[in-house]
Protein backbone atom coordinates (compact mmCIF):
# COMPACT_ATOMS: atom_id res chain seq x y z
CA MET A 1 -4.69 -18.59 3.56
CA ALA A 2 -3.55 -19.27 7.09
CA VAL A 3 -1.28 -17.12 9.21
CA LEU A 4 1.10 -18.36 11.87
CA TYR A 5 3.47 -16.36 14.05
CA CYS A 6 7.23 -16.84 13.95
CA ALA A 7 8.57 -18.67 17.02
CA GLY A 8 11.90 -16.82 16.89
CA PRO A 9 12.80 -15.00 20.12
CA GLY A 10 11.10 -11.60 20.13
CA CYS A 11 10.02 -11.89 16.49
CA GLN A 12 6.68 -10.32 15.64
CA ARG A 13 6.51 -11.45 12.00
CA MET A 14 3.66 -13.56 10.72
CA LEU A 15 4.19 -16.58 8.47
CA SER A 16 1.91 -16.57 5.46
CA VAL A 17 0.71 -20.05 4.55
CA SER A 18 -0.82 -19.72 1.10
CA VAL A 19 -1.79 -21.99 -1.76
CA ILE A 20 -1.37 -19.08 -4.18
CA PRO A 21 1.58 -19.77 -6.50
CA GLY A 22 4.39 -17.40 -5.49
CA GLY A 23 2.76 -16.64 -2.15
CA ASN A 24 0.09 -14.26 -0.96
CA PRO A 25 0.55 -10.88 -2.68
CA VAL A 26 -0.49 -8.96 0.46
CA ALA A 27 2.17 -10.77 2.50
CA ARG A 28 4.80 -10.29 -0.22
CA ALA A 29 4.06 -6.55 -0.26
CA ASP A 30 4.70 -6.26 3.51
CA PRO A 31 7.96 -8.12 4.29
CA GLU A 32 8.42 -6.31 7.60
CA HIS A 33 5.31 -7.97 9.02
CA PHE A 34 4.96 -11.14 6.91
CA ALA A 35 7.32 -13.91 5.86
CA VAL A 36 6.48 -16.07 2.86
CA ASP A 37 9.70 -18.09 3.18
CA PHE A 38 10.02 -20.04 6.41
CA LEU A 39 10.64 -23.43 7.98
CA VAL A 40 8.29 -25.38 10.25
CA CYS A 41 9.17 -28.12 12.72
CA THR A 42 7.66 -31.48 11.84
CA LYS A 43 7.25 -32.33 15.53
CA CYS A 44 6.48 -29.24 17.63
CA ARG A 45 4.99 -27.39 14.58
CA LYS A 46 6.73 -24.09 15.46
CA GLY A 47 7.56 -21.95 12.47
CA PHE A 48 10.65 -19.79 11.95
CA CYS A 49 10.87 -16.93 9.46
CA ASP A 50 13.75 -16.39 7.06
CA ARG A 51 15.20 -13.70 9.35
CA CYS A 52 15.18 -15.77 12.55
CA LEU A 53 16.49 -18.86 10.77
CA PRO A 54 18.47 -17.53 7.77
CA PRO A 55 19.92 -19.99 5.23
CA GLU A 56 23.44 -19.47 6.61
CA SER A 57 22.44 -20.48 10.17
CA ALA A 58 23.47 -23.86 11.54
CA PHE A 59 19.87 -24.88 12.34
CA HIS A 60 18.78 -24.06 8.77
CA LYS A 61 21.68 -25.98 7.24
CA LEU A 62 21.05 -29.01 9.48
CA ARG A 63 17.25 -28.69 9.08
CA SER A 64 17.01 -29.03 12.86
CA CYS A 65 14.43 -27.24 15.01
CA PRO A 66 16.07 -24.86 17.51
CA GLU A 67 13.27 -25.64 20.00
CA CYS A 68 13.09 -29.45 20.00
CA GLY A 69 15.74 -30.70 17.55
CA ALA A 70 13.29 -32.44 15.19
CA ASP A 71 13.37 -32.06 11.41
CA LEU A 72 12.36 -28.79 9.77
CA ALA A 73 10.21 -28.70 6.66
CA THR A 74 9.92 -25.94 4.09
CA ARG A 75 6.78 -23.87 4.72
CA ALA A 76 3.88 -25.16 6.75
CA ILE A 77 1.48 -28.01 6.30
CA PRO A 78 -1.85 -26.56 7.48
CA HIS A 79 -3.72 -28.47 10.16
CA HIS A 80 -7.30 -29.36 9.29
CA ARG A 81 -9.47 -29.76 12.34
């Protein structure tokens, strides 16, 4: 499991990147601090939780990053260094 922080303005939620089907159970049990549903920019790699970028928002509908305008992808693709 990897954890990223939401890039939404003033957001303190963490984004749970998990290979566990259905998401990490610890993250699911604490929705105030963790998001298991989020979008990540394919260019700048910033992630946005489901509260900062809700499905009804224009950026979510357009799949456009509010920071750089690039495409947004569902969940994160972990970096391997």
